[in-house]
Amino acid sequence: MAQTRRTPHLVCYDICEPRRLARVHRRMKRWGLPLQYSVFYCWLTPPEHNRLAQELAELIDRKADDVRIYAVQESRPTRWLGRRPLPEGVQLLGLAGPWQDGDDQSSAA
């Protein structure tokens, strides 16, 4: 059961060479939603997590590039500052908490 449960992940990367950067970006568009050019939101099972890591490892230069895959804690709301990460009314299905505007002064105590 644990092998088929999808959990949210952020994939972030810093690729030094433009060609590799373009290849990694194209590959990531198959796996998740781009939040920024080098940041993707993905729902992955453990086997998919491993497969994605393997695919990215084949595309990068391990001495020059940096790729990170972070598991996202589902019980907390996602917060942003500035421009909205998604258009008004668009939701990520399965996201446990709401998108929370970090500029919202009413939530500050």
C-alpha atoms as a PDB file:
ATOM      1  CA  MET A   1       0.000   0.000   0.000  1.00  0.00           C
ATOM      2  CA  ALA A   2       2.782   2.452   0.887  1.00  0.00           C
ATOM      3  CA  GLN A   3       4.351   1.880  -2.545  1.00  0.00           C
ATOM      4  CA  THR A   4       1.259   3.270  -4.309  1.00  0.00           C
ATOM      5  CA  ARG A   5       0.468   6.250  -2.057  1.00  0.00           C
ATOM      6  CA  ARG A   6       1.333   9.534  -3.756  1.00  0.00           C
ATOM      7  CA  THR A   7       2.756  12.346  -1.655  1.00  0.00           C
ATOM      8  CA  PRO A   8       3.606  15.915  -2.635  1.00  0.00           C
ATOM      9  CA  HIS A   9       7.203  16.852  -3.447  1.00  0.00           C
ATOM     10  CA  LEU A  10       9.052  19.959  -4.543  1.00  0.00           C
ATOM     11  CA  VAL A  11      11.785  19.439  -7.095  1.00  0.00           C
ATOM     12  CA  CYS A  12      14.239  22.333  -7.282  1.00  0.00           C
ATOM     13  CA  TYR A  13      17.299  22.570  -9.446  1.00  0.00           C
ATOM     14  CA  ASP A  14      20.210  24.794 -10.380  1.00  0.00           C
ATOM     15  CA  ILE A  15      21.754  23.653 -13.655  1.00  0.00           C
ATOM     16  CA  CYS A  16      24.885  25.476 -14.836  1.00  0.00           C
ATOM     17  CA  GLU A  17      24.795  24.795 -18.576  1.00  0.00           C
ATOM     18  CA  PRO A  18      21.869  26.100 -20.719  1.00  0.00           C
ATOM     19  CA  ARG A  19      21.441  22.889 -22.763  1.00  0.00           C
ATOM     20  CA  ARG A  20      21.264  20.690 -19.660  1.00  0.00           C
ATOM     21  CA  LEU A  21      18.947  23.222 -18.033  1.00  0.00           C
ATOM     22  CA  ALA A  22      16.542  23.018 -20.983  1.00  0.00           C
ATOM     23  CA  ARG A  23      16.641  19.184 -20.935  1.00  0.00           C
ATOM     24  CA  VAL A  24      15.947  19.034 -17.206  1.00  0.00           C
ATOM     25  CA  HIS A  25      13.104  21.544 -17.539  1.00  0.00           C
ATOM     26  CA  ARG A  26      11.488  19.578 -20.392  1.00  0.00           C
ATOM     27  CA  ARG A  27      11.778  16.363 -18.366  1.00  0.00           C
ATOM     28  CA  MET A  28      10.280  17.975 -15.265  1.00  0.00           C
ATOM     29  CA  LYS A  29       7.258  19.225 -17.245  1.00  0.00           C
ATOM     30  CA  ARG A  30       6.374  15.521 -17.707  1.00  0.00           C
ATOM     31  CA  TRP A  31       6.462  14.960 -13.941  1.00  0.00           C
ATOM     32  CA  GLY A  32       4.879  17.978 -12.323  1.00  0.00           C
ATOM     33  CA  LEU A  33       3.501  21.481 -12.245  1.00  0.00           C
ATOM     34  CA  PRO A  34       6.034  24.295 -12.710  1.00  0.00           C
ATOM     35  CA  LEU A  35       5.708  26.806  -9.869  1.00  0.00           C
ATOM     36  CA  GLN A  36       8.778  28.727 -11.044  1.00  0.00           C
ATOM     37  CA  TYR A  37      11.229  27.954 -13.834  1.00  0.00           C
ATOM     38  CA  SER A  38      13.372  25.685 -11.664  1.00  0.00           C
ATOM     39  CA  VAL A  39      10.786  24.627  -9.068  1.00  0.00           C
ATOM     40  CA  PHE A  40       8.178  21.925  -9.692  1.00  0.00           C
ATOM     41  CA  TYR A  41       5.351  20.524  -7.570  1.00  0.00           C
ATOM     42  CA  CYS A  42       4.944  16.755  -8.060  1.00  0.00           C
ATOM     43  CA  TRP A  43       2.806  13.952  -6.585  1.00  0.00           C
ATOM     44  CA  LEU A  44       5.021  10.874  -6.423  1.00  0.00           C
ATOM     45  CA  THR A  45       4.860   7.306  -5.157  1.00  0.00           C
ATOM     46  CA  PRO A  46       8.132   5.960  -3.715  1.00  0.00           C
ATOM     47  CA  PRO A  47       8.941   4.081  -6.966  1.00  0.00           C
ATOM     48  CA  GLU A  48       8.187   7.227  -9.017  1.00  0.00           C
ATOM     49  CA  HIS A  49      10.418   9.259  -6.694  1.00  0.00           C
ATOM     50  CA  ASN A  50      13.258   6.830  -7.375  1.00  0.00           C
ATOM     51  CA  ARG A  51      12.618   6.791 -11.126  1.00  0.00           C
ATOM     52  CA  LEU A  52      12.538  10.606 -11.296  1.00  0.00           C
ATOM     53  CA  ALA A  53      15.798  10.838  -9.342  1.00  0.00           C
ATOM     54  CA  GLN A  54      17.402   8.325 -11.710  1.00  0.00           C
ATOM     55  CA  GLU A  55      16.186  10.172 -14.826  1.00  0.00           C
ATOM     56  CA  LEU A  56      17.494  13.496 -13.526  1.00  0.00           C
ATOM     57  CA  ALA A  57      20.825  11.946 -12.499  1.00  0.00           C
ATOM     58  CA  GLU A  58      21.295  10.866 -16.129  1.00  0.00           C
ATOM     59  CA  LEU A  59      20.718  14.432 -17.384  1.00  0.00           C
ATOM     60  CA  ILE A  60      22.914  16.453 -15.024  1.00  0.00           C
ATOM     61  CA  ASP A  61      26.598  16.996 -14.378  1.00  0.00           C
ATOM     62  CA  ARG A  62      26.975  15.908 -10.739  1.00  0.00           C
ATOM     63  CA  LYS A  63      30.071  18.088 -10.296  1.00  0.00           C
ATOM     64  CA  ALA A  64      28.408  21.304 -11.476  1.00  0.00           C
ATOM     65  CA  ASP A  65      24.628  20.982 -11.050  1.00  0.00           C
ATOM     66  CA  ASP A  66      22.333  20.768  -8.022  1.00  0.00           C
ATOM     67  CA  VAL A  67      18.976  18.952  -7.946  1.00  0.00           C
ATOM     68  CA  ARG A  68      16.901  18.534  -4.793  1.00  0.00           C
ATOM     69  CA  ILE A  69      13.689  16.588  -4.228  1.00  0.00           C
ATOM     70  CA  TYR A  70      11.886  17.628  -1.053  1.00  0.00           C
ATOM     71  CA  ALA A  71       8.922  15.807   0.459  1.00  0.00           C
ATOM     72  CA  VAL A  72       6.246  18.353   1.395  1.00  0.00           C
ATOM     73  CA  GLN A  73       4.464  18.140   4.716  1.00  0.00           C
ATOM     74  CA  GLU A  74       0.794  17.672   3.828  1.00  0.00           C
ATOM     75  CA  SER A  75      -0.739  18.959   7.060  1.00  0.00           C
ATOM     76  CA  ARG A  76       0.393  22.576   6.695  1.00  0.00           C
ATOM     77  CA  PRO A  77      -0.979  25.236   4.328  1.00  0.00           C
ATOM     78  CA  THR A  78       1.216  26.406   1.480  1.00  0.00           C
ATOM     79  CA  ARG A  79       2.164  30.073   1.951  1.00  0.00           C
ATOM     80  CA  TRP A  80       3.357  32.562  -0.641  1.00  0.00           C
ATOM     81  CA  LEU A  81       4.529  36.165  -0.662  1.00  0.00           C
ATOM     82  CA  GLY A  82       3.891  38.415  -3.644  1.00  0.00           C
ATOM     83  CA  ARG A  83       2.330  37.173  -6.871  1.00  0.00           C
ATOM     84  CA  ARG A  84      -0.029  34.196  -6.543  1.00  0.00           C
ATOM     85  CA  PRO A  85       1.567  30.830  -7.476  1.00  0.00           C
ATOM     86  CA  LEU A  86      -1.593  29.717  -9.280  1.00  0.00           C
ATOM     87  CA  PRO A  87      -4.341  31.725 -10.982  1.00  0.00           C
ATOM     88  CA  GLU A  88      -7.371  32.613  -8.845  1.00  0.00           C
ATOM     89  CA  GLY A  89      -9.723  29.626  -8.640  1.00  0.00           C
ATOM     90  CA  VAL A  90      -7.120  27.032  -9.690  1.00  0.00           C
ATOM     91  CA  GLN A  91      -6.434  24.417  -7.015  1.00  0.00           C
ATOM     92  CA  LEU A  92      -3.993  21.543  -6.713  1.00  0.00           C
ATOM     93  CA  LEU A  93      -6.160  18.514  -6.046  1.00  0.00           C
ATOM     94  CA  GLY A  94      -5.117  16.581  -2.981  1.00  0.00           C
ATOM     95  CA  LEU A  95      -3.379  19.531  -1.349  1.00  0.00           C
ATOM     96  CA  ALA A  96      -4.223  19.141   2.340  1.00  0.00           C
ATOM     97  CA  GLY A  97      -4.214  22.804   3.277  1.00  0.00           C
ATOM     98  CA  PRO A  98      -5.246  25.920   1.362  1.00  0.00           C
ATOM     99  CA  TRP A  99      -2.849  28.265  -0.395  1.00  0.00           C
ATOM    100  CA  GLN A 100      -2.323  30.948   2.207  1.00  0.00           C
ATOM    101  CA  ASP A 101      -1.308  34.479   1.282  1.00  0.00           C
ATOM    102  CA  GLY A 102       1.825  35.304   3.279  1.00  0.00           C
ATOM    103  CA  ASP A 103       1.045  39.020   2.916  1.00  0.00           C
ATOM    104  CA  ASP A 104      -2.232  38.537   4.805  1.00  0.00           C
ATOM    105  CA  GLN A 105      -1.764  40.710   7.902  1.00  0.00           C
ATOM    106  CA  SER A 106      -4.943  39.348   9.529  1.00  0.00           C
ATOM    107  CA  SER A 107      -3.162  36.057  10.291  1.00  0.00           C
ATOM    108  CA  ALA A 108      -0.272  37.792  12.053  1.00  0.00           C
ATOM    109  CA  ALA A 109      -0.513  37.659  15.822  1.00  0.00           C
END
